[in-house]
Amino acid sequence: ALRDITEKHGGSYQASAVGEVNVVELMKKTNAIIGGEGNGGIIYP
């Protein structure tokens, strides 16, 4: 669903390996505006 919402707003979605440190690394690499994990974890740079 996050991919769907991102594409609705004209952005690009990517999936990282499981683990917060992996999500953060890919967020930095892709200049993500927001990210996180499906367990209710919100990461807002």
All heavy atoms as atom14 arrays in JSON, in Angstrom:
{
  "sequence": "ALRDITEKHGGSYQASAVGEVNVVELMKKTNAIIGGEGNGGIIYP",
  "atom14_mask": [
    [1, 1, 1, 1, 1, 0, 0, 0, 0, 0, 0, 0, 0, 0],
    [1, 1, 1, 1, 1, 1, 1, 1, 0, 0, 0, 0, 0, 0],
    [1, 1, 1, 1, 1, 1, 1, 1, 1, 1, 1, 0, 0, 0],
    [1, 1, 1, 1, 1, 1, 1, 1, 0, 0, 0, 0, 0, 0],
    [1, 1, 1, 1, 1, 1, 1, 1, 0, 0, 0, 0, 0, 0],
    [1, 1, 1, 1, 1, 1, 1, 0, 0, 0, 0, 0, 0, 0],
    [1, 1, 1, 1, 1, 1, 1, 1, 1, 0, 0, 0, 0, 0],
    [1, 1, 1, 1, 1, 1, 1, 1, 1, 0, 0, 0, 0, 0],
    [1, 1, 1, 1, 1, 1, 1, 1, 1, 1, 0, 0, 0, 0],
    [1, 1, 1, 1, 0, 0, 0, 0, 0, 0, 0, 0, 0, 0],
    [1, 1, 1, 1, 0, 0, 0, 0, 0, 0, 0, 0, 0, 0],
    [1, 1, 1, 1, 1, 1, 0, 0, 0, 0, 0, 0, 0, 0],
    [1, 1, 1, 1, 1, 1, 1, 1, 1, 1, 1, 1, 0, 0],
    [1, 1, 1, 1, 1, 1, 1, 1, 1, 0, 0, 0, 0, 0],
    [1, 1, 1, 1, 1, 0, 0, 0, 0, 0, 0, 0, 0, 0],
    [1, 1, 1, 1, 1, 1, 0, 0, 0, 0, 0, 0, 0, 0],
    [1, 1, 1, 1, 1, 0, 0, 0, 0, 0, 0, 0, 0, 0],
    [1, 1, 1, 1, 1, 1, 1, 0, 0, 0, 0, 0, 0, 0],
    [1, 1, 1, 1, 0, 0, 0, 0, 0, 0, 0, 0, 0, 0],
    [1, 1, 1, 1, 1, 1, 1, 1, 1, 0, 0, 0, 0, 0],
    [1, 1, 1, 1, 1, 1, 1, 0, 0, 0, 0, 0, 0, 0],
    [1, 1, 1, 1, 1, 1, 1, 1, 0, 0, 0, 0, 0, 0],
    [1, 1, 1, 1, 1, 1, 1, 0, 0, 0, 0, 0, 0, 0],
    [1, 1, 1, 1, 1, 1, 1, 0, 0, 0, 0, 0, 0, 0],
    [1, 1, 1, 1, 1, 1, 1, 1, 1, 0, 0, 0, 0, 0],
    [1, 1, 1, 1, 1, 1, 1, 1, 0, 0, 0, 0, 0, 0],
    [1, 1, 1, 1, 1, 1, 1, 1, 0, 0, 0, 0, 0, 0],
    [1, 1, 1, 1, 1, 1, 1, 1, 1, 0, 0, 0, 0, 0],
    [1, 1, 1, 1, 1, 1, 1, 1, 1, 0, 0, 0, 0, 0],
    [1, 1, 1, 1, 1, 1, 1, 0, 0, 0, 0, 0, 0, 0],
    [1, 1, 1, 1, 1, 1, 1, 1, 0, 0, 0, 0, 0, 0],
    [1, 1, 1, 1, 1, 0, 0, 0, 0, 0, 0, 0, 0, 0],
    [1, 1, 1, 1, 1, 1, 1, 1, 0, 0, 0, 0, 0, 0],
    [1, 1, 1, 1, 1, 1, 1, 1, 0, 0, 0, 0, 0, 0],
    [1, 1, 1, 1, 0, 0, 0, 0, 0, 0, 0, 0, 0, 0],
    [1, 1, 1, 1, 0, 0, 0, 0, 0, 0, 0, 0, 0, 0],
    [1, 1, 1, 1, 1, 1, 1, 1, 1, 0, 0, 0, 0, 0],
    [1, 1, 1, 1, 0, 0, 0, 0, 0, 0, 0, 0, 0, 0],
    [1, 1, 1, 1, 1, 1, 1, 1, 0, 0, 0, 0, 0, 0],
    [1, 1, 1, 1, 0, 0, 0, 0, 0, 0, 0, 0, 0, 0],
    [1, 1, 1, 1, 0, 0, 0, 0, 0, 0, 0, 0, 0, 0],
    [1, 1, 1, 1, 1, 1, 1, 1, 0, 0, 0, 0, 0, 0],
    [1, 1, 1, 1, 1, 1, 1, 1, 0, 0, 0, 0, 0, 0],
    [1, 1, 1, 1, 1, 1, 1, 1, 1, 1, 1, 1, 0, 0],
    [1, 1, 1, 1, 1, 1, 1, 0, 0, 0, 0, 0, 0, 0]
  ],
  "atom14_positions": [
    [[0.82, -1.22, 0.0], [0.0, 0.0, 0.0], [0.85, 1.26, 0.0], [0.46, 2.28, -0.58], [-0.94, 0.0, 1.2], [0.0, 0.0, 0.0], [0.0, 0.0, 0.0], [0.0, 0.0, 0.0], [0.0, 0.0, 0.0], [0.0, 0.0, 0.0], [0.0, 0.0, 0.0], [0.0, 0.0, 0.0], [0.0, 0.0, 0.0], [0.0, 0.0, 0.0]],
    [[2.03, 1.22, 0.64], [2.9, 2.4, 0.64], [3.37, 2.73, -0.77], [3.44, 3.9, -1.16], [4.1, 2.21, 1.58], [5.05, 3.41, 1.64], [4.34, 4.65, 2.18], [6.28, 3.09, 2.5], [0.0, 0.0, 0.0], [0.0, 0.0, 0.0], [0.0, 0.0, 0.0], [0.0, 0.0, 0.0], [0.0, 0.0, 0.0], [0.0, 0.0, 0.0]],
    [[3.68, 1.7, -1.54], [4.08, 1.9, -2.93], [2.95, 2.59, -3.7], [3.16, 3.54, -4.47], [4.42, 0.56, -3.59], [4.92, 0.68, -5.03], [4.82, -0.64, -5.77], [3.41, -1.01, -6.01], [3.03, -2.11, -6.66], [3.94, -2.96, -7.1], [1.76, -2.37, -6.84], [0.0, 0.0, 0.0], [0.0, 0.0, 0.0], [0.0, 0.0, 0.0]],
    [[1.72, 2.11, -3.51], [0.57, 2.67, -4.21], [0.38, 4.15, -3.88], [0.14, 4.98, -4.78], [-0.71, 1.9, -3.84], [-0.67, 0.44, -4.31], [0.25, 0.09, -5.06], [-1.56, -0.33, -3.9], [0.0, 0.0, 0.0], [0.0, 0.0, 0.0], [0.0, 0.0, 0.0], [0.0, 0.0, 0.0], [0.0, 0.0, 0.0], [0.0, 0.0, 0.0]],
    [[0.47, 4.47, -2.59], [0.28, 5.86, -2.15], [1.4, 6.75, -2.69], [1.17, 7.88, -3.14], [0.24, 5.93, -0.6], [-1.05, 5.27, -0.09], [0.36, 7.36, -0.1], [-2.32, 5.95, -0.55], [0.0, 0.0, 0.0], [0.0, 0.0, 0.0], [0.0, 0.0, 0.0], [0.0, 0.0, 0.0], [0.0, 0.0, 0.0], [0.0, 0.0, 0.0]],
    [[2.63, 6.24, -2.66], [3.78, 7.01, -3.15], [3.63, 7.33, -4.62], [3.84, 8.48, -5.06], [5.08, 6.22, -2.92], [5.18, 5.85, -1.54], [6.3, 7.04, -3.3], [0.0, 0.0, 0.0], [0.0, 0.0, 0.0], [0.0, 0.0, 0.0], [0.0, 0.0, 0.0], [0.0, 0.0, 0.0], [0.0, 0.0, 0.0], [0.0, 0.0, 0.0]],
    [[3.24, 6.33, -5.4], [3.08, 6.53, -6.85], [1.9, 7.46, -7.15], [1.94, 8.24, -8.11], [2.93, 5.18, -7.55], [4.23, 4.37, -7.5], [4.1, 2.97, -8.07], [2.96, 2.54, -8.37], [5.15, 2.29, -8.2], [0.0, 0.0, 0.0], [0.0, 0.0, 0.0], [0.0, 0.0, 0.0], [0.0, 0.0, 0.0], [0.0, 0.0, 0.0]],
    [[0.88, 7.43, -6.3], [-0.26, 8.34, -6.45], [0.2, 9.8, -6.36], [-0.31, 10.68, -7.08], [-1.31, 8.06, -5.36], [-2.54, 8.97, -5.42], [-3.46, 8.77, -4.23], [-3.07, 9.66, -3.06], [-4.05, 9.66, -1.96], [0.0, 0.0, 0.0], [0.0, 0.0, 0.0], [0.0, 0.0, 0.0], [0.0, 0.0, 0.0], [0.0, 0.0, 0.0]],
    [[1.2, 10.04, -5.52], [1.73, 11.4, -5.34], [2.93, 11.68, -6.25], [3.61, 12.7, -6.07], [2.12, 11.62, -3.88], [0.95, 11.7, -2.94], [0.07, 12.76, -2.94], [0.5, 10.83, -1.99], [-0.86, 12.56, -2.02], [-0.63, 11.4, -1.42], [0.0, 0.0, 0.0], [0.0, 0.0, 0.0], [0.0, 0.0, 0.0], [0.0, 0.0, 0.0]],
    [[3.21, 10.78, -7.2], [4.27, 11.03, -8.17], [5.67, 10.69, -7.71], [6.65, 11.07, -8.35], [0.0, 0.0, 0.0], [0.0, 0.0, 0.0], [0.0, 0.0, 0.0], [0.0, 0.0, 0.0], [0.0, 0.0, 0.0], [0.0, 0.0, 0.0], [0.0, 0.0, 0.0], [0.0, 0.0, 0.0], [0.0, 0.0, 0.0], [0.0, 0.0, 0.0]],
    [[5.78, 9.96, -6.59], [7.09, 9.6, -6.07], [7.49, 8.19, -6.45], [6.76, 7.47, -7.14], [0.0, 0.0, 0.0], [0.0, 0.0, 0.0], [0.0, 0.0, 0.0], [0.0, 0.0, 0.0], [0.0, 0.0, 0.0], [0.0, 0.0, 0.0], [0.0, 0.0, 0.0], [0.0, 0.0, 0.0], [0.0, 0.0, 0.0], [0.0, 0.0, 0.0]],
    [[8.67, 7.8, -5.99], [9.19, 6.47, -6.26], [9.36, 5.72, -4.94], [9.86, 6.28, -3.96], [10.54, 6.59, -6.98], [11.16, 5.33, -7.08], [0.0, 0.0, 0.0], [0.0, 0.0, 0.0], [0.0, 0.0, 0.0], [0.0, 0.0, 0.0], [0.0, 0.0, 0.0], [0.0, 0.0, 0.0], [0.0, 0.0, 0.0], [0.0, 0.0, 0.0]],
    [[8.94, 4.46, -4.92], [9.04, 3.63, -3.72], [10.11, 2.56, -3.9], [10.23, 1.97, -4.98], [7.7, 2.93, -3.43], [7.82, 1.8, -2.44], [7.87, 2.06, -1.08], [7.93, 0.48, -2.87], [8.02, 1.02, -0.16], [8.07, -0.57, -1.96], [8.12, -0.28, -0.61], [8.28, -1.31, 0.28], [0.0, 0.0, 0.0], [0.0, 0.0, 0.0]],
    [[10.89, 2.32, -2.85], [11.84, 1.21, -2.86], [11.75, 0.44, -1.54], [11.45, 1.02, -0.5], [13.27, 1.7, -3.09], [13.52, 2.18, -4.51], [14.98, 2.3, -4.84], [15.78, 1.42, -4.51], [15.35, 3.38, -5.5], [0.0, 0.0, 0.0], [0.0, 0.0, 0.0], [0.0, 0.0, 0.0], [0.0, 0.0, 0.0], [0.0, 0.0, 0.0]],
    [[12.07, -0.86, -1.62], [12.03, -1.72, -0.43], [13.45, -2.1, -0.02], [14.27, -2.46, -0.86], [11.22, -2.97, -0.71], [0.0, 0.0, 0.0], [0.0, 0.0, 0.0], [0.0, 0.0, 0.0], [0.0, 0.0, 0.0], [0.0, 0.0, 0.0], [0.0, 0.0, 0.0], [0.0, 0.0, 0.0], [0.0, 0.0, 0.0], [0.0, 0.0, 0.0]],
    [[13.72, -2.03, 1.27], [15.03, -2.39, 1.81], [14.97, -3.76, 2.47], [13.89, -4.32, 2.67], [15.48, -1.36, 2.85], [14.77, -1.57, 4.07], [0.0, 0.0, 0.0], [0.0, 0.0, 0.0], [0.0, 0.0, 0.0], [0.0, 0.0, 0.0], [0.0, 0.0, 0.0], [0.0, 0.0, 0.0], [0.0, 0.0, 0.0], [0.0, 0.0, 0.0]],
    [[16.12, -4.26, 2.85], [16.17, -5.44, 3.72], [15.49, -5.1, 5.05], [15.39, -3.92, 5.42], [17.62, -5.86, 3.95], [0.0, 0.0, 0.0], [0.0, 0.0, 0.0], [0.0, 0.0, 0.0], [0.0, 0.0, 0.0], [0.0, 0.0, 0.0], [0.0, 0.0, 0.0], [0.0, 0.0, 0.0], [0.0, 0.0, 0.0], [0.0, 0.0, 0.0]],
    [[15.02, -6.12, 5.75], [14.37, -5.91, 7.04], [15.38, -5.37, 8.05], [16.54, -5.77, 8.05], [13.73, -7.22, 7.55], [13.2, -7.07, 8.96], [12.61, -7.65, 6.6], [0.0, 0.0, 0.0], [0.0, 0.0, 0.0], [0.0, 0.0, 0.0], [0.0, 0.0, 0.0], [0.0, 0.0, 0.0], [0.0, 0.0, 0.0], [0.0, 0.0, 0.0]],
    [[14.95, -4.45, 8.9], [15.83, -3.86, 9.91], [15.9, -2.36, 9.74], [16.09, -1.85, 8.63], [0.0, 0.0, 0.0], [0.0, 0.0, 0.0], [0.0, 0.0, 0.0], [0.0, 0.0, 0.0], [0.0, 0.0, 0.0], [0.0, 0.0, 0.0], [0.0, 0.0, 0.0], [0.0, 0.0, 0.0], [0.0, 0.0, 0.0], [0.0, 0.0, 0.0]],
    [[15.74, -1.63, 10.84], [15.69, -0.16, 10.78], [16.93, 0.44, 10.12], [16.83, 1.38, 9.32], [15.52, 0.41, 12.19], [15.4, 1.92, 12.22], [15.06, 2.46, 13.59], [14.43, 1.74, 14.39], [15.42, 3.62, 13.86], [0.0, 0.0, 0.0], [0.0, 0.0, 0.0], [0.0, 0.0, 0.0], [0.0, 0.0, 0.0], [0.0, 0.0, 0.0]],
    [[18.1, -0.09, 10.45], [19.34, 0.46, 9.89], [19.36, 0.33, 8.37], [19.88, 1.22, 7.66], [20.58, -0.2, 10.55], [20.71, -1.66, 10.15], [21.87, 0.55, 10.2], [0.0, 0.0, 0.0], [0.0, 0.0, 0.0], [0.0, 0.0, 0.0], [0.0, 0.0, 0.0], [0.0, 0.0, 0.0], [0.0, 0.0, 0.0], [0.0, 0.0, 0.0]],
    [[18.76, -0.74, 7.84], [18.69, -0.93, 6.38], [17.71, 0.04, 5.73], [17.95, 0.56, 4.64], [18.3, -2.38, 6.06], [19.31, -3.38, 6.58], [20.51, -3.2, 6.41], [18.85, -4.43, 7.22], [0.0, 0.0, 0.0], [0.0, 0.0, 0.0], [0.0, 0.0, 0.0], [0.0, 0.0, 0.0], [0.0, 0.0, 0.0], [0.0, 0.0, 0.0]],
    [[16.58, 0.27, 6.4], [15.6, 1.23, 5.9], [16.24, 2.63, 5.83], [16.13, 3.33, 4.82], [14.34, 1.26, 6.79], [13.37, 2.35, 6.31], [13.64, -0.09, 6.78], [0.0, 0.0, 0.0], [0.0, 0.0, 0.0], [0.0, 0.0, 0.0], [0.0, 0.0, 0.0], [0.0, 0.0, 0.0], [0.0, 0.0, 0.0], [0.0, 0.0, 0.0]],
    [[16.92, 3.01, 6.91], [17.54, 4.34, 6.98], [18.6, 4.5, 5.88], [18.66, 5.54, 5.2], [18.16, 4.58, 8.37], [19.09, 5.8, 8.37], [17.05, 4.77, 9.41], [0.0, 0.0, 0.0], [0.0, 0.0, 0.0], [0.0, 0.0, 0.0], [0.0, 0.0, 0.0], [0.0, 0.0, 0.0], [0.0, 0.0, 0.0], [0.0, 0.0, 0.0]],
    [[19.4, 3.48, 5.68], [20.46, 3.54, 4.66], [19.86, 3.79, 3.27], [20.36, 4.62, 2.51], [21.25, 2.22, 4.68], [22.47, 2.23, 3.77], [23.22, 0.89, 3.79], [23.05, 0.11, 4.76], [23.96, 0.64, 2.83], [0.0, 0.0, 0.0], [0.0, 0.0, 0.0], [0.0, 0.0, 0.0], [0.0, 0.0, 0.0], [0.0, 0.0, 0.0]],
    [[18.78, 3.07, 2.94], [18.16, 3.24, 1.63], [17.42, 4.57, 1.53], [17.39, 5.19, 0.46], [17.21, 2.07, 1.33], [16.65, 1.99, -0.09], [17.77, 1.95, -1.13], [15.75, 0.76, -0.25], [0.0, 0.0, 0.0], [0.0, 0.0, 0.0], [0.0, 0.0, 0.0], [0.0, 0.0, 0.0], [0.0, 0.0, 0.0], [0.0, 0.0, 0.0]],
    [[16.85, 5.03, 2.64], [16.2, 6.35, 2.65], [17.21, 7.45, 2.3], [16.91, 8.36, 1.51], [15.55, 6.62, 4.01], [14.28, 5.85, 4.27], [13.56, 6.24, 5.89], [12.99, 7.93, 5.64], [0.0, 0.0, 0.0], [0.0, 0.0, 0.0], [0.0, 0.0, 0.0], [0.0, 0.0, 0.0], [0.0, 0.0, 0.0], [0.0, 0.0, 0.0]],
    [[18.39, 7.36, 2.89], [19.42, 8.37, 2.62], [19.85, 8.3, 1.15], [20.04, 9.32, 0.49], [20.62, 8.15, 3.54], [20.35, 8.5, 4.99], [21.56, 8.21, 5.86], [21.33, 8.61, 7.3], [22.48, 8.3, 8.18], [0.0, 0.0, 0.0], [0.0, 0.0, 0.0], [0.0, 0.0, 0.0], [0.0, 0.0, 0.0], [0.0, 0.0, 0.0]],
    [[19.99, 7.07, 0.66], [20.46, 6.86, -0.71], [19.45, 7.4, -1.74], [19.83, 7.89, -2.81], [20.7, 5.37, -0.93], [21.56, 5.02, -2.14], [21.8, 3.52, -2.22], [22.72, 3.03, -1.12], [23.02, 1.57, -1.26], [0.0, 0.0, 0.0], [0.0, 0.0, 0.0], [0.0, 0.0, 0.0], [0.0, 0.0, 0.0], [0.0, 0.0, 0.0]],
    [[18.15, 7.3, -1.42], [17.1, 7.7, -2.37], [16.46, 9.05, -2.03], [15.48, 9.45, -2.65], [15.99, 6.63, -2.43], [15.43, 6.47, -1.11], [16.53, 5.29, -2.9], [0.0, 0.0, 0.0], [0.0, 0.0, 0.0], [0.0, 0.0, 0.0], [0.0, 0.0, 0.0], [0.0, 0.0, 0.0], [0.0, 0.0, 0.0], [0.0, 0.0, 0.0]],
    [[17.04, 9.74, -1.02], [16.48, 11.02, -0.56], [15.0, 10.91, -0.23], [14.19, 11.77, -0.62], [16.7, 12.13, -1.61], [18.16, 12.45, -1.8], [18.9, 12.59, -0.82], [18.6, 12.56, -3.04], [0.0, 0.0, 0.0], [0.0, 0.0, 0.0], [0.0, 0.0, 0.0], [0.0, 0.0, 0.0], [0.0, 0.0, 0.0], [0.0, 0.0, 0.0]],
    [[14.64, 9.84, 0.45], [13.23, 9.61, 0.78], [12.71, 10.68, 1.74], [13.4, 11.08, 2.68], [13.06, 8.22, 1.4], [0.0, 0.0, 0.0], [0.0, 0.0, 0.0], [0.0, 0.0, 0.0], [0.0, 0.0, 0.0], [0.0, 0.0, 0.0], [0.0, 0.0, 0.0], [0.0, 0.0, 0.0], [0.0, 0.0, 0.0], [0.0, 0.0, 0.0]],
    [[11.49, 11.13, 1.48], [10.83, 12.14, 2.31], [10.34, 11.52, 3.62], [10.36, 12.14, 4.68], [9.62, 12.74, 1.56], [10.08, 13.42, 0.27], [8.85, 13.7, 2.44], [10.91, 14.66, 0.48], [0.0, 0.0, 0.0], [0.0, 0.0, 0.0], [0.0, 0.0, 0.0], [0.0, 0.0, 0.0], [0.0, 0.0, 0.0], [0.0, 0.0, 0.0]],
    [[9.89, 10.27, 3.52], [9.39, 9.54, 4.68], [9.57, 8.05, 4.42], [9.66, 7.6, 3.27], [7.9, 9.87, 4.97], [7.45, 9.27, 6.31], [7.0, 9.45, 3.81], [6.11, 9.8, 6.81], [0.0, 0.0, 0.0], [0.0, 0.0, 0.0], [0.0, 0.0, 0.0], [0.0, 0.0, 0.0], [0.0, 0.0, 0.0], [0.0, 0.0, 0.0]],
    [[9.67, 7.29, 5.49], [9.83, 5.85, 5.35], [9.55, 5.18, 6.67], [9.04, 5.79, 7.61], [0.0, 0.0, 0.0], [0.0, 0.0, 0.0], [0.0, 0.0, 0.0], [0.0, 0.0, 0.0], [0.0, 0.0, 0.0], [0.0, 0.0, 0.0], [0.0, 0.0, 0.0], [0.0, 0.0, 0.0], [0.0, 0.0, 0.0], [0.0, 0.0, 0.0]],
    [[9.89, 3.9, 6.74], [9.67, 3.18, 8.0], [9.42, 1.72, 7.79], [9.82, 1.14, 6.77], [0.0, 0.0, 0.0], [0.0, 0.0, 0.0], [0.0, 0.0, 0.0], [0.0, 0.0, 0.0], [0.0, 0.0, 0.0], [0.0, 0.0, 0.0], [0.0, 0.0, 0.0], [0.0, 0.0, 0.0], [0.0, 0.0, 0.0], [0.0, 0.0, 0.0]],
    [[8.75, 1.13, 8.75], [8.49, -0.3, 8.71], [7.0, -0.54, 8.95], [6.34, 0.24, 9.64], [9.35, -1.02, 9.75], [10.84, -0.85, 9.49], [11.69, -1.64, 10.46], [11.77, -1.24, 11.63], [12.28, -2.64, 10.04], [0.0, 0.0, 0.0], [0.0, 0.0, 0.0], [0.0, 0.0, 0.0], [0.0, 0.0, 0.0], [0.0, 0.0, 0.0]],
    [[6.51, -1.64, 8.43], [5.09, -1.97, 8.53], [4.64, -2.33, 9.93], [3.46, -2.57, 10.16], [0.0, 0.0, 0.0], [0.0, 0.0, 0.0], [0.0, 0.0, 0.0], [0.0, 0.0, 0.0], [0.0, 0.0, 0.0], [0.0, 0.0, 0.0], [0.0, 0.0, 0.0], [0.0, 0.0, 0.0], [0.0, 0.0, 0.0], [0.0, 0.0, 0.0]],
    [[5.56, -2.35, 10.89], [5.18, -2.64, 12.27], [4.79, -1.36, 13.02], [4.74, -1.34, 14.24], [6.31, -3.36, 13.01], [7.59, -2.55, 13.07], [7.62, -1.37, 12.73], [8.67, -3.18, 13.48], [0.0, 0.0, 0.0], [0.0, 0.0, 0.0], [0.0, 0.0, 0.0], [0.0, 0.0, 0.0], [0.0, 0.0, 0.0], [0.0, 0.0, 0.0]],
    [[4.49, -0.31, 12.28], [4.09, 0.95, 12.93], [5.26, 1.87, 13.2], [5.14, 2.8, 14.0], [0.0, 0.0, 0.0], [0.0, 0.0, 0.0], [0.0, 0.0, 0.0], [0.0, 0.0, 0.0], [0.0, 0.0, 0.0], [0.0, 0.0, 0.0], [0.0, 0.0, 0.0], [0.0, 0.0, 0.0], [0.0, 0.0, 0.0], [0.0, 0.0, 0.0]],
    [[6.38, 1.65, 12.54], [7.57, 2.48, 12.74], [7.64, 3.6, 11.7], [7.78, 3.32, 10.51], [0.0, 0.0, 0.0], [0.0, 0.0, 0.0], [0.0, 0.0, 0.0], [0.0, 0.0, 0.0], [0.0, 0.0, 0.0], [0.0, 0.0, 0.0], [0.0, 0.0, 0.0], [0.0, 0.0, 0.0], [0.0, 0.0, 0.0], [0.0, 0.0, 0.0]],
    [[7.54, 4.85, 12.14], [7.57, 6.02, 11.24], [8.95, 6.67, 11.31], [9.41, 7.05, 12.39], [6.52, 7.08, 11.67], [5.13, 6.45, 11.8], [6.52, 8.26, 10.71], [4.59, 5.86, 10.53], [0.0, 0.0, 0.0], [0.0, 0.0, 0.0], [0.0, 0.0, 0.0], [0.0, 0.0, 0.0], [0.0, 0.0, 0.0], [0.0, 0.0, 0.0]],
    [[9.6, 6.8, 10.16], [10.9, 7.48, 10.1], [10.72, 8.71, 9.21], [10.47, 8.61, 8.01], [11.99, 6.56, 9.52], [12.12, 5.29, 10.38], [13.33, 7.29, 9.47], [13.07, 4.24, 9.82], [0.0, 0.0, 0.0], [0.0, 0.0, 0.0], [0.0, 0.0, 0.0], [0.0, 0.0, 0.0], [0.0, 0.0, 0.0], [0.0, 0.0, 0.0]],
    [[10.88, 9.89, 9.82], [10.65, 11.17, 9.14], [11.92, 12.0, 9.26], [12.19, 12.63, 10.29], [9.46, 11.87, 9.8], [9.01, 13.14, 9.11], [8.84, 13.2, 7.73], [8.73, 14.28, 9.86], [8.41, 14.36, 7.1], [8.29, 15.46, 9.25], [8.14, 15.49, 7.87], [7.72, 16.64, 7.25], [0.0, 0.0, 0.0], [0.0, 0.0, 0.0]],
    [[12.74, 12.02, 8.2], [14.05, 12.69, 8.27], [14.0, 14.16, 8.65], [14.98, 14.69, 9.17], [14.6, 12.5, 6.84], [13.9, 11.31, 6.3], [12.53, 11.35, 6.9], [0.0, 0.0, 0.0], [0.0, 0.0, 0.0], [0.0, 0.0, 0.0], [0.0, 0.0, 0.0], [0.0, 0.0, 0.0], [0.0, 0.0, 0.0], [0.0, 0.0, 0.0]]
  ]
}
